[in-house]
């Protein structure tokens, strides 16, 4: 099993969610996040004073899926989240040893 974490622009969330649903992924976790990479941040003007916005709003999506679905999920996220501009985000993939559904005690792929 794989855990896929994607940091994307907030306005792309619905497109990514729909793309994952189309390939058969049923569940995902969404977290509001702030951060920066090469995008760095920007300056804004508020009541005549200029200030730097270092951390830009992002959304973090977490999905756990079987190895057979992981590559399609990565491709779906990439295609749906891409704008072609700096700050589109990143995808991190890690191995999951075990998943346990708390309610039933199911383990492994059955619990996902």
Protein backbone atom coordinates (compact mmCIF):
# COMPACT_ATOMS: atom_id res chain seq x y z
CA UNK A 1 0.00 0.00 0.00
CA UNK A 2 1.04 3.58 -0.63
CA UNK A 3 0.31 6.87 1.09
CA UNK A 4 0.13 9.75 -1.35
CA UNK A 5 0.41 13.26 0.06
CA UNK A 6 -0.14 16.14 -2.33
CA UNK A 7 0.29 19.84 -1.61
CA UNK A 8 -1.76 21.82 -4.13
CA UNK A 9 -3.29 25.23 -4.73
CA UNK A 10 -6.64 25.56 -2.89
CA UNK A 11 -8.71 26.36 -5.99
CA UNK A 12 -7.65 23.02 -7.55
CA UNK A 13 -9.13 20.90 -4.74
CA UNK A 14 -12.46 20.10 -6.43
CA UNK A 15 -10.75 19.11 -9.69
CA UNK A 16 -8.33 16.81 -7.85
CA UNK A 17 -11.12 15.27 -5.76
CA UNK A 18 -13.19 14.58 -8.91
CA UNK A 19 -10.17 13.09 -10.71
CA UNK A 20 -9.48 10.72 -7.80
CA UNK A 21 -13.14 9.74 -7.62
CA UNK A 22 -13.11 8.91 -11.36
CA UNK A 23 -10.30 6.37 -10.94
CA UNK A 24 -12.12 4.66 -8.06
CA UNK A 25 -10.57 6.14 -4.92
CA UNK A 26 -13.26 6.53 -2.29
CA UNK A 27 -11.66 8.32 0.64
CA UNK A 28 -9.25 11.17 1.15
CA UNK A 29 -8.20 13.55 3.89
CA UNK A 30 -7.89 17.29 3.24
CA UNK A 31 -5.95 19.70 5.44
CA UNK A 32 -5.54 23.44 5.08
CA UNK A 33 -1.86 24.33 5.03
CA UNK A 34 0.46 27.27 4.54
CA UNK A 35 3.91 27.16 3.07
CA UNK A 36 6.30 28.18 0.37
CA UNK A 37 8.98 26.72 -1.85
CA UNK A 38 10.43 28.36 -4.90
CA UNK A 39 7.33 30.53 -5.01
CA UNK A 40 8.71 32.33 -1.93
CA UNK A 41 5.71 34.51 -1.14
CA UNK A 42 4.88 38.04 -2.17
CA UNK A 43 4.36 41.56 -0.89
CA UNK A 44 0.94 43.11 -0.36
CA UNK A 45 -0.31 46.56 0.45
CA UNK A 46 -2.67 47.04 3.41
CA UNK A 47 -3.81 50.52 4.41
CA UNK A 48 -0.79 52.04 2.73
CA UNK A 49 1.73 49.77 4.46
CA UNK A 50 3.61 47.15 2.49
CA UNK A 51 4.13 43.77 4.13
CA UNK A 52 5.50 40.39 3.08
CA UNK A 53 3.29 37.32 2.92
CA UNK A 54 5.80 34.50 3.45
CA UNK A 55 3.43 31.57 3.78
CA UNK A 56 0.97 31.06 0.97
CA UNK A 57 -2.31 29.16 1.43
CA UNK A 58 -2.15 25.57 0.22
CA UNK A 59 -4.21 22.40 0.62
CA UNK A 60 -2.72 19.05 1.61
CA UNK A 61 -4.47 15.92 0.39
CA UNK A 62 -3.70 12.50 1.85
CA UNK A 63 -4.77 9.26 0.19
CA UNK A 64 -3.92 5.66 1.05
CA UNK A 65 -4.43 3.13 -1.73
CA UNK A 66 -3.24 -0.23 -2.97
CA UNK A 67 -0.05 -0.47 -5.00
CA UNK A 68 -2.10 -1.24 -8.11
CA UNK A 69 -3.92 2.12 -7.92
CA UNK A 70 -1.02 4.34 -6.77
CA UNK A 71 0.40 5.28 -10.18
CA UNK A 72 -3.03 6.16 -11.57
CA UNK A 73 -3.75 8.28 -8.47
CA UNK A 74 -0.46 10.16 -8.90
CA UNK A 75 -1.23 10.79 -12.56
CA UNK A 76 -4.77 11.96 -11.74
CA UNK A 77 -3.52 14.41 -9.10
CA UNK A 78 -0.77 15.72 -11.38
CA UNK A 79 -3.11 16.32 -14.31
CA UNK A 80 -5.86 17.91 -12.21
CA UNK A 81 -3.60 20.17 -10.10
CA UNK A 82 -1.30 21.45 -12.85
CA UNK A 83 -1.64 25.10 -13.90
CA UNK A 84 1.80 25.35 -15.47
CA UNK A 85 2.82 28.15 -13.11
CA UNK A 86 5.18 28.15 -10.16
CA UNK A 87 3.58 26.94 -6.94
CA UNK A 88 1.54 24.08 -8.40
CA UNK A 89 2.74 21.90 -5.54
CA UNK A 90 4.37 18.57 -4.84
CA UNK A 91 3.41 14.92 -4.40
CA UNK A 92 5.08 12.68 -1.83
CA UNK A 93 4.67 8.88 -1.95
CA UNK A 94 5.52 6.60 0.96
CA UNK A 95 5.07 2.95 1.80
CA UNK A 96 2.36 1.97 4.32
CA UNK A 97 3.00 -1.14 6.39
CA UNK A 98 -0.44 -1.69 7.84
CA UNK A 99 -3.93 -0.21 7.88
CA UNK A 100 -6.53 -1.12 10.50
CA UNK A 101 -10.18 -0.05 10.39
CA UNK A 102 -11.03 0.87 13.97
CA UNK A 103 -14.75 0.02 13.78
CA UNK A 104 -14.41 -3.56 12.42
CA UNK A 105 -10.78 -4.47 13.01
CA UNK A 106 -10.26 -5.17 9.29
CA UNK A 107 -6.64 -5.00 8.17
CA UNK A 108 -4.73 -4.31 4.97
CA UNK A 109 -6.48 -3.57 1.68
CA UNK A 110 -9.86 -4.46 3.21
CA UNK A 111 -9.47 -1.59 5.69
CA UNK A 112 -8.76 0.98 2.99
